[in-house]
Amino acid sequence: MRRCVQTFGLYCIFPEDEEEDPKLEFEAKYVELNPLGEGGCGSVFNGYRKSDKLVVAIKHIPNENIYCTHFDESGRELSVEVAVMLKLQSGTSNSAGSKAPITLLDWYVLPHELILVLERPMPASDLQSYIERRGGSLKESEAKIILKQLVEAAIHLQDEKIFHRDIKLENILIEMCSGAPRVRIIDFGLSCFTQKNSNHNTFYGTDCHVPPEWLFRYQYSADEFWPGF
C-alpha cells in the first residue's frame, strides 16, 4: 500500500507499508550502468528506465553527505535537494526538460543513502568540457547565447526563492539536441530556500567561486556574482 501526499503542489507517492523495500522498488523500475562522475556529495551513474528505456542519471548520496533538510507541508523531512527540485517542478507542466533546472523523476530513501533519479539530457556535456573541446574559449556569438540563458536561469531561481549556492562550470550542462546550445542547471545538493535581499552568514559552495562580498564582510545574498566567471 502507498499513500499520496501533496508536496509543493505535486502529489508525491510515499510507501505506507514499512515492509516495502525502496531499493527493490528502485531496481524494479530502473537499471543502473556505468559511473558518470563523483562529487563532494555523492556519485552519479548512467542508467535507464525499464518501461520505456528513457536514459537517466542516478545519483547516490550517503546520508552523512546530506547537509541540509527541509520539512514539507505535511511535516515530512526531505533532503533540501529533493524539496527544491519539487518546488521548481510545481510551477511547470511537469514535463522533463521544460526549464533550465534538471528534472527530478524519482527519489528513494534507503537506510544509509538517498537515491535520486534525474533527467539526463542527451547529447550534453558540462560547460567546462564544452569550452575545452572548443580550444579553451568560445566565440562571442556563442558565449552571448549561453550567458543570456544563465542570467535567465538565475532570475528564475530567484523568482522561486531558491539559492543554488554552487553554480559553476561543472554544474552547468550544455544540451545540444536542437543544434544550438541550451543551458541546464544541475546539482542542487547545497541549495536552500531564501527570501529576497536576505543575507547568508554561512558559505556553502566551491571555495574558488566564493563571492567577493563574502571575503569582505562574511555575508552574501544571492547568485548574482557567478555569471561573471
C-alpha atoms as a PDB file:
ATOM      1  CA  MET A   1       0.000   0.000   0.000  1.00  0.00           C
ATOM      2  CA  ARG A   2       1.071   3.592  -0.620  1.00  0.00           C
ATOM      3  CA  ARG A   3      -0.169   6.980   0.474  1.00  0.00           C
ATOM      4  CA  CYS A   4      -0.352  10.136  -1.601  1.00  0.00           C
ATOM      5  CA  VAL A   5       0.891  13.419  -0.110  1.00  0.00           C
ATOM      6  CA  GLN A   6       0.709  16.836  -1.719  1.00  0.00           C
ATOM      7  CA  THR A   7       4.142  18.479  -1.661  1.00  0.00           C
ATOM      8  CA  PHE A   8       4.692  21.931  -3.200  1.00  0.00           C
ATOM      9  CA  GLY A   9       1.588  21.397  -5.324  1.00  0.00           C
ATOM     10  CA  LEU A  10       2.728  17.967  -6.559  1.00  0.00           C
ATOM     11  CA  TYR A  11       1.190  14.692  -5.457  1.00  0.00           C
ATOM     12  CA  CYS A  12       4.076  12.507  -4.350  1.00  0.00           C
ATOM     13  CA  ILE A  13       3.911   8.800  -3.601  1.00  0.00           C
ATOM     14  CA  PHE A  14       5.383   7.528  -0.339  1.00  0.00           C
ATOM     15  CA  PRO A  15       5.406   3.951   0.992  1.00  0.00           C
ATOM     16  CA  GLU A  16       2.757   3.297   3.624  1.00  0.00           C
ATOM     17  CA  ASP A  17       3.867  -0.221   4.486  1.00  0.00           C
ATOM     18  CA  GLU A  18       7.177  -0.150   6.333  1.00  0.00           C
ATOM     19  CA  GLU A  19       7.982  -3.588   4.909  1.00  0.00           C
ATOM     20  CA  GLU A  20       8.198  -2.191   1.383  1.00  0.00           C
ATOM     21  CA  ASP A  21      11.838  -2.062   0.329  1.00  0.00           C
ATOM     22  CA  PRO A  22      12.654   1.157  -1.576  1.00  0.00           C
ATOM     23  CA  LYS A  23      15.796  -0.434  -3.018  1.00  0.00           C
ATOM     24  CA  LEU A  24      13.728  -3.230  -4.567  1.00  0.00           C
ATOM     25  CA  GLU A  25      11.293  -0.641  -5.934  1.00  0.00           C
ATOM     26  CA  PHE A  26      14.208   1.243  -7.491  1.00  0.00           C
ATOM     27  CA  GLU A  27      15.705  -1.913  -9.009  1.00  0.00           C
ATOM     28  CA  ALA A  28      12.308  -2.954 -10.374  1.00  0.00           C
ATOM     29  CA  LYS A  29      11.947   0.335 -12.231  1.00  0.00           C
ATOM     30  CA  TYR A  30      15.499   1.303 -13.264  1.00  0.00           C
ATOM     31  CA  VAL A  31      18.741  -0.261 -14.495  1.00  0.00           C
ATOM     32  CA  GLU A  32      21.974   1.290 -13.229  1.00  0.00           C
ATOM     33  CA  LEU A  33      25.002   1.181 -15.531  1.00  0.00           C
ATOM     34  CA  ASN A  34      28.452   2.801 -15.591  1.00  0.00           C
ATOM     35  CA  PRO A  35      29.587   5.666 -13.335  1.00  0.00           C
ATOM     36  CA  LEU A  36      29.434   9.178 -14.805  1.00  0.00           C
ATOM     37  CA  GLY A  37      31.239  11.089 -12.085  1.00  0.00           C
ATOM     38  CA  GLU A  38      31.757  11.719  -8.402  1.00  0.00           C
ATOM     39  CA  GLY A  39      31.455  14.936  -6.429  1.00  0.00           C
ATOM     40  CA  GLY A  40      31.668  16.154  -2.879  1.00  0.00           C
ATOM     41  CA  CYS A  41      28.162  14.939  -2.011  1.00  0.00           C
ATOM     42  CA  GLY A  42      27.747  11.716  -3.962  1.00  0.00           C
ATOM     43  CA  SER A  43      28.263   9.613  -7.079  1.00  0.00           C
ATOM     44  CA  VAL A  44      26.315   9.715 -10.350  1.00  0.00           C
ATOM     45  CA  PHE A  45      25.691   6.749 -12.646  1.00  0.00           C
ATOM     46  CA  ASN A  46      24.282   6.285 -16.110  1.00  0.00           C
ATOM     47  CA  GLY A  47      21.063   4.275 -16.303  1.00  0.00           C
ATOM     48  CA  TYR A  48      17.680   3.876 -17.922  1.00  0.00           C
ATOM     49  CA  ARG A  49      14.030   3.364 -17.013  1.00  0.00           C
ATOM     50  CA  LYS A  50      12.890  -0.163 -17.820  1.00  0.00           C
ATOM     51  CA  SER A  51       9.400   0.734 -19.023  1.00  0.00           C
ATOM     52  CA  ASP A  52      10.475   2.955 -21.923  1.00  0.00           C
ATOM     53  CA  LYS A  53      14.320   2.811 -21.982  1.00  0.00           C
ATOM     54  CA  LEU A  54      14.488   6.503 -21.045  1.00  0.00           C
ATOM     55  CA  VAL A  55      18.114   7.431 -20.306  1.00  0.00           C
ATOM     56  CA  VAL A  56      18.511   8.820 -16.777  1.00  0.00           C
ATOM     57  CA  ALA A  57      21.192   9.899 -14.324  1.00  0.00           C
ATOM     58  CA  ILE A  58      21.158   8.078 -10.973  1.00  0.00           C
ATOM     59  CA  LYS A  59      22.674   9.923  -8.029  1.00  0.00           C
ATOM     60  CA  HIS A  60      23.652   8.143  -4.801  1.00  0.00           C
ATOM     61  CA  ILE A  61      24.066  10.411  -1.763  1.00  0.00           C
ATOM     62  CA  PRO A  62      25.279   8.879   1.529  1.00  0.00           C
ATOM     63  CA  ASN A  63      23.262  10.106   4.499  1.00  0.00           C
ATOM     64  CA  GLU A  64      26.327  11.766   6.019  1.00  0.00           C
ATOM     65  CA  ASN A  65      26.598  13.966   2.902  1.00  0.00           C
ATOM     66  CA  ILE A  66      23.047  15.318   3.155  1.00  0.00           C
ATOM     67  CA  TYR A  67      23.934  18.649   4.732  1.00  0.00           C
ATOM     68  CA  CYS A  68      20.541  20.370   4.615  1.00  0.00           C
ATOM     69  CA  THR A  69      16.968  19.178   5.109  1.00  0.00           C
ATOM     70  CA  HIS A  70      13.553  20.794   4.794  1.00  0.00           C
ATOM     71  CA  PHE A  71      10.122  19.997   6.222  1.00  0.00           C
ATOM     72  CA  ASP A  72       7.376  19.923   3.602  1.00  0.00           C
ATOM     73  CA  GLU A  73       3.732  20.924   4.062  1.00  0.00           C
ATOM     74  CA  SER A  74       2.875  17.524   5.542  1.00  0.00           C
ATOM     75  CA  GLY A  75       5.690  17.750   8.107  1.00  0.00           C
ATOM     76  CA  ARG A  76       7.823  15.161   6.329  1.00  0.00           C
ATOM     77  CA  GLU A  77      11.566  15.817   6.431  1.00  0.00           C
ATOM     78  CA  LEU A  78      13.145  15.851   2.965  1.00  0.00           C
ATOM     79  CA  SER A  79      16.602  16.479   1.620  1.00  0.00           C
ATOM     80  CA  VAL A  80      16.709  20.119   0.518  1.00  0.00           C
ATOM     81  CA  GLU A  81      17.845  18.908  -2.906  1.00  0.00           C
ATOM     82  CA  VAL A  82      14.590  16.956  -3.260  1.00  0.00           C
ATOM     83  CA  ALA A  83      12.445  19.760  -1.806  1.00  0.00           C
ATOM     84  CA  VAL A  84      13.988  22.397  -4.080  1.00  0.00           C
ATOM     85  CA  MET A  85      13.572  20.313  -7.227  1.00  0.00           C
ATOM     86  CA  LEU A  86       9.942  19.564  -6.362  1.00  0.00           C
ATOM     87  CA  LYS A  87       9.342  23.272  -5.827  1.00  0.00           C
ATOM     88  CA  LEU A  88      10.866  24.085  -9.222  1.00  0.00           C
ATOM     89  CA  GLN A  89       8.681  21.474 -10.916  1.00  0.00           C
ATOM     90  CA  SER A  90       5.474  22.577  -9.194  1.00  0.00           C
ATOM     91  CA  GLY A  91       5.089  25.611 -11.453  1.00  0.00           C
ATOM     92  CA  THR A  92       5.582  23.729 -14.720  1.00  0.00           C
ATOM     93  CA  SER A  93       3.740  21.134 -16.736  1.00  0.00           C
ATOM     94  CA  ASN A  94       5.978  18.535 -15.013  1.00  0.00           C
ATOM     95  CA  SER A  95       7.387  17.530 -18.409  1.00  0.00           C
ATOM     96  CA  ALA A  96      11.102  16.800 -18.215  1.00  0.00           C
ATOM     97  CA  GLY A  97      13.268  19.490 -19.764  1.00  0.00           C
ATOM     98  CA  SER A  98      10.738  22.328 -19.777  1.00  0.00           C
ATOM     99  CA  LYS A  99      13.011  24.591 -17.668  1.00  0.00           C
ATOM    100  CA  ALA A 100      16.750  25.124 -17.174  1.00  0.00           C
ATOM    101  CA  PRO A 101      16.934  23.108 -13.913  1.00  0.00           C
ATOM    102  CA  ILE A 102      17.213  19.359 -14.430  1.00  0.00           C
ATOM    103  CA  THR A 103      14.009  17.445 -13.610  1.00  0.00           C
ATOM    104  CA  LEU A 104      13.766  15.055 -10.657  1.00  0.00           C
ATOM    105  CA  LEU A 105      11.992  11.905 -11.875  1.00  0.00           C
ATOM    106  CA  ASP A 106      12.050   9.758  -8.704  1.00  0.00           C
ATOM    107  CA  TRP A 107      13.730   9.529  -5.338  1.00  0.00           C
ATOM    108  CA  TYR A 108      14.228   6.667  -2.887  1.00  0.00           C
ATOM    109  CA  VAL A 109      15.110   6.952   0.799  1.00  0.00           C
ATOM    110  CA  LEU A 110      17.260   3.993   1.865  1.00  0.00           C
ATOM    111  CA  PRO A 111      18.658   3.319   5.362  1.00  0.00           C
ATOM    112  CA  HIS A 112      22.134   4.623   4.500  1.00  0.00           C
ATOM    113  CA  GLU A 113      21.676   6.726   1.388  1.00  0.00           C
ATOM    114  CA  LEU A 114      19.335   8.746  -0.795  1.00  0.00           C
ATOM    115  CA  ILE A 115      18.919   7.788  -4.461  1.00  0.00           C
ATOM    116  CA  LEU A 116      17.812  10.456  -6.929  1.00  0.00           C
ATOM    117  CA  VAL A 117      16.733   9.572 -10.459  1.00  0.00           C
ATOM    118  CA  LEU A 118      17.242  12.600 -12.678  1.00  0.00           C
ATOM    119  CA  GLU A 119      16.567  13.646 -16.222  1.00  0.00           C
ATOM    120  CA  ARG A 120      19.697  13.216 -18.353  1.00  0.00           C
ATOM    121  CA  PRO A 121      19.738  15.483 -21.420  1.00  0.00           C
ATOM    122  CA  MET A 122      21.328  13.852 -24.456  1.00  0.00           C
ATOM    123  CA  PRO A 123      23.599  14.863 -26.056  1.00  0.00           C
ATOM    124  CA  ALA A 124      25.064  17.203 -23.441  1.00  0.00           C
ATOM    125  CA  SER A 125      28.262  17.974 -21.556  1.00  0.00           C
ATOM    126  CA  ASP A 126      29.210  20.241 -18.691  1.00  0.00           C
ATOM    127  CA  LEU A 127      30.299  23.753 -19.611  1.00  0.00           C
ATOM    128  CA  GLN A 128      33.903  23.075 -18.557  1.00  0.00           C
ATOM    129  CA  SER A 129      34.239  20.209 -21.062  1.00  0.00           C
ATOM    130  CA  TYR A 130      32.261  22.141 -23.663  1.00  0.00           C
ATOM    131  CA  ILE A 131      34.745  25.035 -23.549  1.00  0.00           C
ATOM    132  CA  GLU A 132      37.786  22.733 -23.526  1.00  0.00           C
ATOM    133  CA  ARG A 133      36.586  20.951 -26.680  1.00  0.00           C
ATOM    134  CA  ARG A 134      36.491  24.343 -28.388  1.00  0.00           C
ATOM    135  CA  GLY A 135      40.112  25.101 -27.626  1.00  0.00           C
ATOM    136  CA  GLY A 136      39.573  26.771 -24.250  1.00  0.00           C
ATOM    137  CA  SER A 137      37.352  29.643 -25.359  1.00  0.00           C
ATOM    138  CA  LEU A 138      34.019  30.368 -27.034  1.00  0.00           C
ATOM    139  CA  LYS A 139      33.130  32.605 -29.935  1.00  0.00           C
ATOM    140  CA  GLU A 140      31.460  35.794 -28.781  1.00  0.00           C
ATOM    141  CA  SER A 141      28.189  34.910 -30.521  1.00  0.00           C
ATOM    142  CA  GLU A 142      28.016  31.542 -28.750  1.00  0.00           C
ATOM    143  CA  ALA A 143      29.088  32.995 -25.397  1.00  0.00           C
ATOM    144  CA  LYS A 144      26.244  35.533 -25.625  1.00  0.00           C
ATOM    145  CA  ILE A 145      23.674  32.764 -26.122  1.00  0.00           C
ATOM    146  CA  ILE A 146      24.950  30.810 -23.115  1.00  0.00           C
ATOM    147  CA  LEU A 147      25.359  33.825 -20.827  1.00  0.00           C
ATOM    148  CA  LYS A 148      21.853  35.085 -21.634  1.00  0.00           C
ATOM    149  CA  GLN A 149      20.391  31.708 -20.653  1.00  0.00           C
ATOM    150  CA  LEU A 150      22.475  31.620 -17.465  1.00  0.00           C
ATOM    151  CA  VAL A 151      21.129  35.012 -16.407  1.00  0.00           C
ATOM    152  CA  GLU A 152      17.574  33.898 -17.207  1.00  0.00           C
ATOM    153  CA  ALA A 153      18.129  30.738 -15.124  1.00  0.00           C
ATOM    154  CA  ALA A 154      19.412  32.835 -12.197  1.00  0.00           C
ATOM    155  CA  ILE A 155      16.350  35.095 -12.407  1.00  0.00           C
ATOM    156  CA  HIS A 156      14.069  32.043 -12.493  1.00  0.00           C
ATOM    157  CA  LEU A 157      15.680  30.606  -9.347  1.00  0.00           C
ATOM    158  CA  GLN A 158      15.464  33.964  -7.597  1.00  0.00           C
ATOM    159  CA  ASP A 159      11.773  34.281  -8.517  1.00  0.00           C
ATOM    160  CA  GLU A 160      11.195  30.840  -6.973  1.00  0.00           C
ATOM    161  CA  LYS A 161      13.106  31.968  -3.821  1.00  0.00           C
ATOM    162  CA  ILE A 162      15.792  29.340  -4.370  1.00  0.00           C
ATOM    163  CA  PHE A 163      19.513  29.922  -3.815  1.00  0.00           C
ATOM    164  CA  HIS A 164      21.631  27.315  -5.660  1.00  0.00           C
ATOM    165  CA  ARG A 165      24.901  28.299  -3.902  1.00  0.00           C
ATOM    166  CA  ASP A 166      27.180  26.171  -6.115  1.00  0.00           C
ATOM    167  CA  ILE A 167      26.672  27.223  -9.726  1.00  0.00           C
ATOM    168  CA  LYS A 168      29.956  26.678 -11.573  1.00  0.00           C
ATOM    169  CA  LEU A 169      31.143  25.345 -14.936  1.00  0.00           C
ATOM    170  CA  GLU A 170      30.843  21.721 -13.787  1.00  0.00           C
ATOM    171  CA  ASN A 171      27.224  22.253 -12.638  1.00  0.00           C
ATOM    172  CA  ILE A 172      26.103  23.803 -15.915  1.00  0.00           C
ATOM    173  CA  LEU A 173      25.168  21.391 -18.700  1.00  0.00           C
ATOM    174  CA  ILE A 174      25.074  22.439 -22.334  1.00  0.00           C
ATOM    175  CA  GLU A 175      22.423  20.460 -24.183  1.00  0.00           C
ATOM    176  CA  MET A 176      22.827  20.254 -27.964  1.00  0.00           C
ATOM    177  CA  CYS A 177      19.778  18.301 -29.164  1.00  0.00           C
ATOM    178  CA  SER A 178      18.405  21.320 -31.073  1.00  0.00           C
ATOM    179  CA  GLY A 179      21.717  22.278 -32.698  1.00  0.00           C
ATOM    180  CA  ALA A 180      22.041  25.422 -30.559  1.00  0.00           C
ATOM    181  CA  PRO A 181      23.466  25.379 -27.014  1.00  0.00           C
ATOM    182  CA  ARG A 182      20.835  25.141 -24.287  1.00  0.00           C
ATOM    183  CA  VAL A 183      21.747  25.704 -20.630  1.00  0.00           C
ATOM    184  CA  ARG A 184      20.669  23.210 -17.950  1.00  0.00           C
ATOM    185  CA  ILE A 185      21.445  23.582 -14.236  1.00  0.00           C
ATOM    186  CA  ILE A 186      22.352  20.512 -12.154  1.00  0.00           C
ATOM    187  CA  ASP A 187      23.347  19.562  -8.583  1.00  0.00           C
ATOM    188  CA  PHE A 188      21.076  21.312  -6.085  1.00  0.00           C
ATOM    189  CA  GLY A 189      22.718  19.491  -3.162  1.00  0.00           C
ATOM    190  CA  LEU A 190      23.889  22.708  -1.469  1.00  0.00           C
ATOM    191  CA  SER A 191      20.858  24.817  -2.368  1.00  0.00           C
ATOM    192  CA  CYS A 192      18.395  26.393   0.045  1.00  0.00           C
ATOM    193  CA  PHE A 193      15.183  28.384   0.166  1.00  0.00           C
ATOM    194  CA  THR A 194      15.697  32.094   0.622  1.00  0.00           C
ATOM    195  CA  GLN A 195      13.941  35.452   0.641  1.00  0.00           C
ATOM    196  CA  LYS A 196      14.705  38.493  -1.474  1.00  0.00           C
ATOM    197  CA  ASN A 197      17.564  40.594  -0.052  1.00  0.00           C
ATOM    198  CA  SER A 198      18.203  38.099   2.760  1.00  0.00           C
ATOM    199  CA  ASN A 199      21.822  37.643   3.860  1.00  0.00           C
ATOM    200  CA  HIS A 200      23.554  34.301   4.406  1.00  0.00           C
ATOM    201  CA  ASN A 201      26.201  34.063   7.109  1.00  0.00           C
ATOM    202  CA  THR A 202      27.482  30.567   6.291  1.00  0.00           C
ATOM    203  CA  PHE A 203      29.217  29.873   2.991  1.00  0.00           C
ATOM    204  CA  TYR A 204      28.213  26.762   1.046  1.00  0.00           C
ATOM    205  CA  GLY A 205      29.775  26.097  -2.329  1.00  0.00           C
ATOM    206  CA  THR A 206      33.167  25.839  -4.008  1.00  0.00           C
ATOM    207  CA  ASP A 207      35.957  27.895  -2.438  1.00  0.00           C
ATOM    208  CA  CYS A 208      37.392  29.192  -5.715  1.00  0.00           C
ATOM    209  CA  HIS A 209      33.968  30.636  -6.617  1.00  0.00           C
ATOM    210  CA  VAL A 210      33.386  32.456  -3.347  1.00  0.00           C
ATOM    211  CA  PRO A 211      31.597  35.808  -3.974  1.00  0.00           C
ATOM    212  CA  PRO A 212      33.732  38.884  -3.220  1.00  0.00           C
ATOM    213  CA  GLU A 213      31.302  40.249  -0.617  1.00  0.00           C
ATOM    214  CA  TRP A 214      31.932  37.129   1.477  1.00  0.00           C
ATOM    215  CA  LEU A 215      35.653  37.930   1.583  1.00  0.00           C
ATOM    216  CA  PHE A 216      34.972  41.444   2.866  1.00  0.00           C
ATOM    217  CA  ARG A 217      32.084  41.003   5.309  1.00  0.00           C
ATOM    218  CA  TYR A 218      31.412  37.237   5.558  1.00  0.00           C
ATOM    219  CA  GLN A 219      27.900  37.647   4.171  1.00  0.00           C
ATOM    220  CA  TYR A 220      26.399  37.063   0.763  1.00  0.00           C
ATOM    221  CA  SER A 221      22.873  37.268  -0.562  1.00  0.00           C
ATOM    222  CA  ALA A 222      22.250  35.654  -3.966  1.00  0.00           C
ATOM    223  CA  ASP A 223      23.632  34.026  -7.128  1.00  0.00           C
ATOM    224  CA  GLU A 224      24.432  37.439  -8.571  1.00  0.00           C
ATOM    225  CA  PHE A 225      28.217  37.270  -8.966  1.00  0.00           C
ATOM    226  CA  TRP A 226      28.756  33.857 -10.581  1.00  0.00           C
ATOM    227  CA  PRO A 227      27.824  34.782 -14.216  1.00  0.00           C
ATOM    228  CA  GLY A 228      30.978  36.926 -14.249  1.00  0.00           C
ATOM    229  CA  PHE A 229      33.060  33.766 -14.292  1.00  0.00           C
END
